[in-house]
Amino acid sequence: MNACAISPMDSYAYCVASIPAADKTFSKLRLIRFGSQHADPTDAQYEYVAILPSHLGEKGKIPNAAAFAPNGDFHYLYPKSMTAGYYVMAGADRPDKLTGFGLGEYDNAGVHVANPTSKINELSFLDAANSKKNTADLNVVEDKDYDNDGIFEKWGLAIFQDNDGSASPNRVLFVRDPTNTQAPFVAFDRKIEAEAGSKALPTTTPGFGAGWTYKNALYQSDNQGGGVWQILLDTFIPGDESRPVLARYVGESQATTTNDGMNCMNAESPYATCGKNGVANSLAGGVAVTTAQCNAQSAGSVYNPYNAETVCDSDPCDLTGVDFDRCCNEPPFLTVALAGGWIAPQHRAQVTRSRTRSAAPRKRAPRSTRPMPTPCAKASHV
């Protein structure tokens, strides 16, 4: 069993499983739903909801990374030890729409046979024959225009490690939603490097492991216990293959292996962000940094809602330090038409800052005692 994720539509966990047949060979893959209330109470722990196609006829081979999109589509990825493949269960295949069957109904003719959209040859650079790439996890974000075609849509983000001995082995794969048949399939492969002043990224195996998204912001943990980083997606420049995507250290983690990142993607981030100005404020529904607070540090400055999910350096955010540049915009402002009417930070014009700070920056708040995110709101299965 692998490739697990929590659906934002019904708050149930789903995983892909390969179940041994009676003759000890592997039958077709099944998508399993956990915690659903099946008609038979003895089967209430989990149920079969779909039969998945085998990957290139390789029975028993199982994907190791999966994620739900905000609209409930289920994305999963085959990496490394087999020809790479990217699959999406959407429309009639969307997991929360499917009827569940109990243990005794494993081969019931009524079990949904999925026909997911797939892309295989397009991801050949992930194949074991061409490299030693180790996929960590998969997440999906929405309303992004990473290929600059003016269309804001869903993108799959796969974090992997290129075990070639390089000093910067961590990479991110940007995959345009394969279900968009109106546009050509696009995938970008970029290095990930720590931003200036941030803790260095893991460079040895096992490196990155479980990943999560909170309100479209991506986080990745180090399997060796080195910490958690926010992947700064807006530092991605499609036209510049030499420019890495930057990552920011945001907190501690524990050493772990054989994991999957599962979380409620619409929950508040467990870290202090510009949009809620401290973990404590998340309990009140989020209290953002204000324009008045920005203006108090530098006349004419305003709060930048585009950076609502940017993690602050302190808890709560300290605008006398680096958090000002993360949460506020100083004049002159650019008025380009991007999300929310704001331009991404890496595209902003460089301006000379001359503000005077009345107080020394506070020390970074400890991360180890921060609360875990609120569980998903329970919804009845439809």
Protein backbone atom coordinates (compact mmCIF):
# COMPACT_ATOMS: atom_id res chain seq x y z
CA MET A 1 0.00 0.00 0.00
CA ASN A 2 1.26 3.46 -0.88
CA ALA A 3 0.29 6.77 -2.53
CA CYS A 4 -2.03 8.02 0.22
CA ALA A 5 -3.84 11.36 0.46
CA ILE A 6 -6.89 13.00 2.07
CA SER A 7 -9.69 14.20 -0.20
CA PRO A 8 -10.76 17.82 0.36
CA MET A 9 -14.27 16.84 -0.79
CA ASP A 10 -15.18 14.26 1.88
CA SER A 11 -12.20 14.36 4.34
CA TYR A 12 -11.54 10.63 3.91
CA ALA A 13 -8.08 9.13 3.39
CA TYR A 14 -7.45 7.17 0.19
CA CYS A 15 -4.52 4.87 -0.69
CA VAL A 16 -3.50 2.67 -3.61
CA ALA A 17 -3.10 -1.01 -2.70
CA SER A 18 -1.94 -4.09 -4.56
CA ILE A 19 -3.71 -7.08 -2.99
CA PRO A 20 -2.23 -10.60 -3.38
CA ALA A 21 -4.54 -13.00 -5.18
CA ALA A 22 -5.17 -16.55 -3.94
CA ASP A 23 -2.35 -17.94 -6.10
CA LYS A 24 0.09 -15.40 -4.57
CA THR A 25 0.31 -13.39 -7.79
CA PHE A 26 -0.75 -9.76 -7.74
CA SER A 27 -4.13 -8.77 -9.11
CA LYS A 28 -5.13 -5.34 -10.37
CA LEU A 29 -4.51 -2.33 -8.19
CA ARG A 30 -7.32 -1.07 -5.97
CA LEU A 31 -8.03 2.39 -4.64
CA ILE A 32 -9.08 2.07 -1.00
CA ARG A 33 -11.07 4.54 1.10
CA PHE A 34 -10.51 4.55 4.87
CA GLY A 35 -13.01 5.46 7.56
CA SER A 36 -16.08 5.39 5.34
CA GLN A 37 -19.28 3.98 6.80
CA HIS A 38 -19.91 0.94 4.65
CA ALA A 39 -23.26 -0.87 4.92
CA ASP A 40 -21.56 -3.79 6.64
CA PRO A 41 -20.25 -2.49 10.03
CA THR A 42 -17.44 -5.07 10.00
CA ASP A 43 -16.08 -3.38 6.89
CA ALA A 44 -16.32 0.17 8.22
CA GLN A 45 -12.53 0.57 8.50
CA TYR A 46 -11.95 0.61 4.76
CA GLU A 47 -13.59 -0.20 1.44
CA TYR A 48 -12.67 -0.72 -2.19
CA VAL A 49 -13.80 2.10 -4.47
CA ALA A 50 -12.00 1.53 -7.79
CA ILE A 51 -9.91 -0.86 -9.85
CA LEU A 52 -6.89 0.96 -11.27
CA PRO A 53 -5.11 0.05 -14.51
CA SER A 54 -1.73 -1.63 -14.19
CA HIS A 55 1.16 0.61 -15.20
CA LEU A 56 2.37 -0.59 -18.64
CA GLY A 57 1.09 -4.07 -17.82
CA GLU A 58 3.45 -4.41 -14.84
CA LYS A 59 1.24 -6.25 -12.34
CA GLY A 60 1.97 -5.55 -8.71
CA LYS A 61 3.80 -2.31 -9.43
CA ILE A 62 2.41 0.42 -7.24
CA PRO A 63 2.75 4.23 -7.35
CA ASN A 64 4.61 5.78 -4.43
CA ALA A 65 3.31 9.34 -4.54
CA ALA A 66 -0.21 10.78 -4.69
CA ALA A 67 -2.15 13.94 -3.93
CA PHE A 68 -5.61 15.40 -4.28
CA ALA A 69 -6.20 18.59 -6.21
CA PRO A 70 -8.37 21.23 -4.52
CA ASN A 71 -11.29 20.17 -6.76
CA GLY A 72 -11.09 16.51 -5.62
CA ASP A 73 -9.18 15.03 -8.57
CA PHE A 74 -6.73 12.29 -7.52
CA HIS A 75 -3.18 12.54 -8.96
CA TYR A 76 -0.64 9.72 -8.59
CA LEU A 77 2.88 9.12 -9.86
CA TYR A 78 5.05 6.11 -10.73
CA PRO A 79 8.74 6.93 -10.17
CA LYS A 80 12.23 5.53 -10.21
CA SER A 81 12.27 1.72 -10.54
CA MET A 82 9.92 1.62 -13.53
CA THR A 83 9.00 3.79 -16.49
CA ALA A 84 7.65 7.01 -14.99
CA GLY A 85 3.95 7.72 -15.36
CA TYR A 86 1.58 10.44 -14.17
CA TYR A 87 -2.12 9.59 -13.73
CA VAL A 88 -5.19 11.67 -12.80
CA MET A 89 -8.59 10.34 -11.70
CA ALA A 90 -11.09 13.08 -12.57
CA GLY A 91 -14.71 13.45 -13.63
CA ALA A 92 -16.55 10.13 -13.22
CA ASP A 93 -13.36 8.68 -11.70
CA ARG A 94 -13.17 11.26 -8.89
CA PRO A 95 -12.82 9.16 -5.71
CA ASP A 96 -15.40 10.92 -3.51
CA LYS A 97 -18.08 10.17 -6.14
CA LEU A 98 -17.46 6.40 -6.09
CA THR A 99 -19.48 3.74 -4.28
CA GLY A 100 -17.52 1.64 -1.78
CA PHE A 101 -17.50 -2.16 -1.52
CA GLY A 102 -16.57 -4.27 1.48
CA LEU A 103 -13.98 -6.98 2.04
CA GLY A 104 -16.21 -9.74 0.78
CA GLU A 105 -16.97 -7.79 -2.40
CA TYR A 106 -13.39 -7.45 -3.64
CA ASP A 107 -14.28 -8.80 -7.09
CA ASN A 108 -17.82 -7.43 -7.20
CA ALA A 109 -18.78 -6.47 -10.74
CA GLY A 110 -20.05 -3.17 -9.42
CA VAL A 111 -16.61 -1.90 -8.33
CA HIS A 112 -15.74 1.10 -10.50
CA VAL A 113 -13.10 0.46 -13.18
CA ALA A 114 -11.10 3.67 -13.45
CA ASN A 115 -9.90 5.12 -16.72
CA PRO A 116 -7.53 7.86 -15.56
CA THR A 117 -5.82 10.38 -17.79
CA SER A 118 -2.16 9.36 -18.07
CA LYS A 119 1.12 10.80 -19.27
CA ILE A 120 4.04 8.38 -19.53
CA ASN A 121 6.53 9.02 -22.34
CA GLU A 122 6.55 12.74 -21.52
CA LEU A 123 8.25 12.03 -18.17
CA SER A 124 11.08 9.87 -19.51
CA PHE A 125 13.70 11.94 -17.69
CA LEU A 126 12.45 10.36 -14.43
CA ASP A 127 13.06 6.82 -15.70
CA ALA A 128 15.54 4.63 -13.84
CA ALA A 129 17.28 3.88 -17.13
CA ASN A 130 18.20 7.53 -17.52
CA SER A 131 18.98 8.60 -13.98
CA LYS A 132 18.87 7.76 -10.27
CA LYS A 133 15.96 9.91 -9.28
CA ASN A 134 14.11 9.16 -6.05
CA THR A 135 10.61 10.69 -5.87
CA ALA A 136 9.65 11.86 -2.37
CA ASP A 137 6.03 13.02 -2.60
CA LEU A 138 3.46 14.69 -4.82
CA ASN A 139 1.22 17.70 -4.22
CA VAL A 140 -1.16 19.75 -6.36
CA VAL A 141 -1.71 23.50 -6.35
CA GLU A 142 -4.25 25.56 -8.29
CA ASP A 143 -4.59 28.97 -9.96
CA LYS A 144 -0.99 29.00 -11.18
CA ASP A 145 0.34 30.17 -14.55
CA TYR A 146 3.78 28.59 -14.46
CA ASP A 147 4.12 28.46 -18.26
CA ASN A 148 3.09 32.12 -18.72
CA ASP A 149 0.29 31.40 -21.20
CA GLY A 150 -2.26 33.51 -19.32
CA ILE A 151 -4.18 30.45 -18.06
CA PHE A 152 -4.32 29.92 -14.30
CA GLU A 153 -4.84 26.23 -13.60
CA LYS A 154 -3.78 23.20 -11.54
CA TRP A 155 -0.17 21.96 -11.46
CA GLY A 156 1.26 18.81 -9.92
CA LEU A 157 4.46 19.33 -7.92
CA ALA A 158 6.69 16.29 -7.38
CA ILE A 159 9.72 16.64 -5.12
CA PHE A 160 12.57 14.25 -5.87
CA GLN A 161 16.27 13.75 -5.28
CA ASP A 162 18.81 13.18 -8.04
CA ASN A 163 21.32 10.81 -6.45
CA ASP A 164 24.16 11.74 -8.78
CA GLY A 165 26.53 13.04 -6.12
CA SER A 166 25.89 16.70 -6.94
CA ALA A 167 25.95 19.37 -4.24
CA SER A 168 22.34 20.32 -5.05
CA PRO A 169 20.48 17.03 -5.61
CA ASN A 170 17.01 18.24 -4.61
CA ARG A 171 14.64 18.99 -7.46
CA VAL A 172 10.99 19.82 -8.14
CA LEU A 173 8.94 18.69 -11.11
CA PHE A 174 6.15 21.04 -12.27
CA VAL A 175 3.49 19.12 -14.23
CA ARG A 176 0.65 20.95 -15.95
CA ASP A 177 -2.72 19.34 -15.21
CA PRO A 178 -2.93 16.46 -17.74
CA THR A 179 -6.73 16.68 -17.79
CA ASN A 180 -6.50 20.03 -19.60
CA THR A 181 -7.00 18.81 -23.16
CA GLN A 182 -7.11 22.35 -24.53
CA ALA A 183 -3.40 22.92 -23.99
CA PRO A 184 -0.24 20.88 -24.65
CA PHE A 185 1.26 18.83 -21.83
CA VAL A 186 4.06 20.75 -20.09
CA ALA A 187 6.55 19.63 -17.44
CA PHE A 188 9.46 21.59 -15.94
CA ASP A 189 12.33 20.14 -13.90
CA ARG A 190 14.24 22.51 -11.59
CA LYS A 191 16.82 22.36 -8.82
CA ILE A 192 15.81 23.43 -5.30
CA GLU A 193 18.26 25.48 -3.24
CA ALA A 194 17.95 27.16 0.15
CA GLU A 195 17.38 30.91 0.00
CA ALA A 196 20.09 33.19 1.36
CA GLY A 197 20.23 33.02 5.14
CA SER A 198 18.17 29.80 5.39
CA LYS A 199 19.31 26.46 6.75
CA ALA A 200 20.92 24.24 4.09
CA LEU A 201 18.81 21.55 2.43
CA PRO A 202 19.45 17.82 2.92
CA THR A 203 21.95 16.50 0.38
CA THR A 204 22.19 12.79 1.20
CA THR A 205 19.72 9.89 0.95
CA PRO A 206 17.16 9.71 2.41
CA GLY A 207 16.51 13.37 1.69
CA PHE A 208 13.09 14.93 1.35
CA GLY A 209 10.14 12.70 2.25
CA ALA A 210 6.58 13.72 3.10
CA GLY A 211 5.15 16.90 1.62
CA TRP A 212 1.99 18.93 2.33
CA THR A 213 0.09 21.89 1.01
CA TYR A 214 -1.81 24.37 3.18
CA LYS A 215 -3.95 26.79 1.18
CA ASN A 216 -1.79 26.36 -1.94
CA ALA A 217 1.55 26.70 -0.08
CA LEU A 218 3.96 23.75 -0.33
CA TYR A 219 6.01 22.32 2.56
CA GLN A 220 8.52 19.48 2.49
CA SER A 221 10.16 17.55 5.35
CA ASP A 222 13.60 15.96 5.62
CA ASN A 223 13.51 12.20 6.33
CA GLN A 224 16.71 12.55 8.37
CA GLY A 225 15.04 14.91 10.82
CA GLY A 226 16.75 18.04 9.52
CA GLY A 227 13.59 20.11 9.45
CA VAL A 228 10.72 21.38 7.29
CA TRP A 229 11.09 23.82 4.37
CA GLN A 230 8.53 25.93 2.57
CA ILE A 231 9.13 25.63 -1.18
CA LEU A 232 8.88 29.18 -2.51
CA LEU A 233 6.94 28.43 -5.69
CA ASP A 234 6.91 32.02 -6.90
CA THR A 235 10.69 31.90 -7.33
CA PHE A 236 10.18 29.54 -10.28
CA ILE A 237 11.03 31.19 -13.62
CA PRO A 238 9.86 29.03 -16.57
CA GLY A 239 12.21 30.55 -19.13
CA ASP A 240 15.40 30.17 -17.07
CA GLU A 241 16.48 26.55 -16.58
CA SER A 242 19.60 27.61 -14.68
CA ARG A 243 17.65 29.45 -11.98
CA PRO A 244 16.73 27.23 -9.00
CA VAL A 245 13.49 27.26 -7.04
CA LEU A 246 14.22 28.53 -3.53
CA ALA A 247 13.24 26.94 -0.21
CA ARG A 248 12.96 28.48 3.26
CA TYR A 249 13.54 26.61 6.52
CA VAL A 250 10.45 27.00 8.73
CA GLY A 251 10.73 24.48 11.57
CA GLU A 252 11.84 21.20 13.06
CA SER A 253 10.96 17.65 12.05
CA GLN A 254 11.58 14.10 13.24
CA ALA A 255 13.59 11.43 11.43
CA THR A 256 11.27 9.04 9.60
CA THR A 257 11.10 6.75 6.58
CA THR A 258 8.41 4.97 4.54
CA ASN A 259 6.01 7.88 4.84
CA ASP A 260 3.40 9.84 2.92
CA GLY A 261 2.38 13.43 3.49
CA MET A 262 -1.36 13.54 4.25
CA ASN A 263 -3.11 16.64 5.50
CA CYS A 264 -6.20 18.79 5.12
CA MET A 265 -5.14 21.19 2.37
CA ASN A 266 -7.67 23.85 3.35
CA ALA A 267 -6.55 23.91 6.99
CA GLU A 268 -4.45 26.74 8.39
CA SER A 269 -0.69 26.31 8.17
CA PRO A 270 0.92 25.19 11.45
CA TYR A 271 3.38 28.08 11.06
CA ALA A 272 3.01 31.83 11.51
CA THR A 273 2.23 33.41 8.13
CA CYS A 274 1.58 36.93 6.88
CA GLY A 275 -2.06 36.01 6.43
CA LYS A 276 -2.69 35.13 10.07
CA ASN A 277 0.24 36.86 11.82
CA GLY A 278 1.03 34.12 14.31
CA VAL A 279 -0.13 30.60 15.09
CA ALA A 280 -2.42 31.78 17.89
CA ASN A 281 -4.42 33.84 15.40
CA SER A 282 -5.26 30.76 13.34
CA LEU A 283 -7.72 29.76 16.07
CA ALA A 284 -9.60 33.00 15.42
CA GLY A 285 -9.90 32.28 11.71
CA GLY A 286 -6.75 34.15 10.78
CA VAL A 287 -5.78 37.76 11.50
CA ALA A 288 -3.54 39.12 8.77
CA VAL A 289 -0.78 41.68 8.99
CA THR A 290 -2.38 45.07 8.28
CA THR A 291 -1.51 47.97 6.04
CA ALA A 292 -1.38 50.16 9.17
CA GLN A 293 1.33 47.90 10.62
CA CYS A 294 3.32 48.03 7.37
CA ASN A 295 2.92 51.80 7.10
CA ALA A 296 4.16 52.22 10.67
CA GLN A 297 7.49 50.72 9.63
CA SER A 298 7.85 52.52 6.30
CA ALA A 299 5.57 55.36 5.20
CA GLY A 300 3.32 54.46 2.28
CA SER A 301 3.86 50.73 2.61
CA VAL A 302 0.89 48.35 2.43
CA TYR A 303 0.13 44.75 3.33
CA ASN A 304 0.58 42.39 0.35
CA PRO A 305 -2.25 39.81 0.37
CA TYR A 306 -0.47 37.90 -2.39
CA ASN A 307 1.94 36.71 0.31
CA ALA A 308 -0.72 35.61 2.80
CA GLU A 309 0.75 32.07 3.02
CA THR A 310 4.37 33.20 3.27
CA VAL A 311 5.87 31.90 6.54
CA CYS A 312 7.21 34.59 8.85
CA ASP A 313 10.59 34.43 10.56
CA SER A 314 9.03 35.11 13.97
CA ASP A 315 5.79 34.16 15.71
CA PRO A 316 3.93 36.50 15.58
CA CYS A 317 5.36 38.18 12.48
CA ASP A 318 7.94 40.84 13.34
CA LEU A 319 7.75 43.72 10.88
CA THR A 320 10.84 45.35 12.38
CA GLY A 321 12.88 42.54 10.80
CA VAL A 322 12.86 40.42 7.66
CA ASP A 323 9.11 39.80 7.95
CA PHE A 324 8.50 43.33 6.61
CA ASP A 325 9.86 42.28 3.22
CA ARG A 326 7.78 39.10 3.32
CA CYS A 327 4.44 40.69 4.26
CA CYS A 328 4.56 44.30 3.01
CA ASN A 329 5.07 46.16 -0.25
CA GLU A 330 6.84 49.50 -0.40
CA PRO A 331 6.14 52.15 -3.06
CA PRO A 332 6.49 52.41 -5.99
CA PHE A 333 3.98 49.67 -6.75
CA LEU A 334 3.53 47.80 -10.01
CA THR A 335 -0.05 47.36 -11.20
CA VAL A 336 0.15 44.20 -13.30
CA ALA A 337 -2.84 41.88 -13.41
CA LEU A 338 -1.74 38.82 -11.50
CA ALA A 339 -3.56 36.92 -8.73
CA GLY A 340 -5.22 39.44 -6.45
CA GLY A 341 -3.85 42.33 -8.55
CA TRP A 342 -0.38 41.88 -7.04
CA ILE A 343 2.81 40.91 -8.72
CA ALA A 344 4.89 37.97 -7.52
CA PRO A 345 7.83 39.01 -5.30
CA GLN A 346 10.58 37.93 -7.72
CA HIS A 347 9.09 40.13 -10.46
CA ARG A 348 8.85 43.30 -8.35
CA ALA A 349 10.93 46.27 -9.31
CA GLN A 350 13.98 46.73 -7.12
CA VAL A 351 13.53 49.76 -4.87
CA THR A 352 15.84 51.48 -2.42
CA ARG A 353 14.64 51.01 1.14
CA SER A 354 15.41 53.80 3.58
CA ARG A 355 13.05 53.04 6.44
CA THR A 356 14.27 53.53 10.00
CA ARG A 357 13.50 50.81 12.51
CA SER A 358 12.64 51.90 16.04
CA ALA A 359 13.44 48.56 17.63
CA ALA A 360 15.97 45.78 17.14
CA PRO A 361 14.59 42.65 15.44
CA ARG A 362 13.27 40.10 17.90
CA LYS A 363 14.81 36.67 18.10
CA ARG A 364 13.23 33.88 16.08
CA ALA A 365 10.52 32.12 18.07
CA PRO A 366 11.04 28.40 18.79
CA ARG A 367 9.15 26.08 16.43
CA SER A 368 9.14 22.82 18.42
CA THR A 369 6.12 23.71 20.60
CA ARG A 370 3.85 24.89 17.79
CA PRO A 371 0.44 23.22 17.56
CA MET A 372 -0.49 20.72 14.89
CA PRO A 373 -3.02 21.85 12.26
CA THR A 374 -6.75 21.53 12.86
CA PRO A 375 -8.21 18.23 11.55
CA CYS A 376 -10.34 18.26 8.43
CA ALA A 377 -13.97 19.08 8.93
CA LYS A 378 -15.85 15.78 8.79
CA ALA A 379 -18.26 15.46 5.88
CA SER A 380 -20.68 12.66 5.10
CA HIS A 381 -19.69 10.64 2.06
CA VAL A 382 -21.80 11.22 -1.03
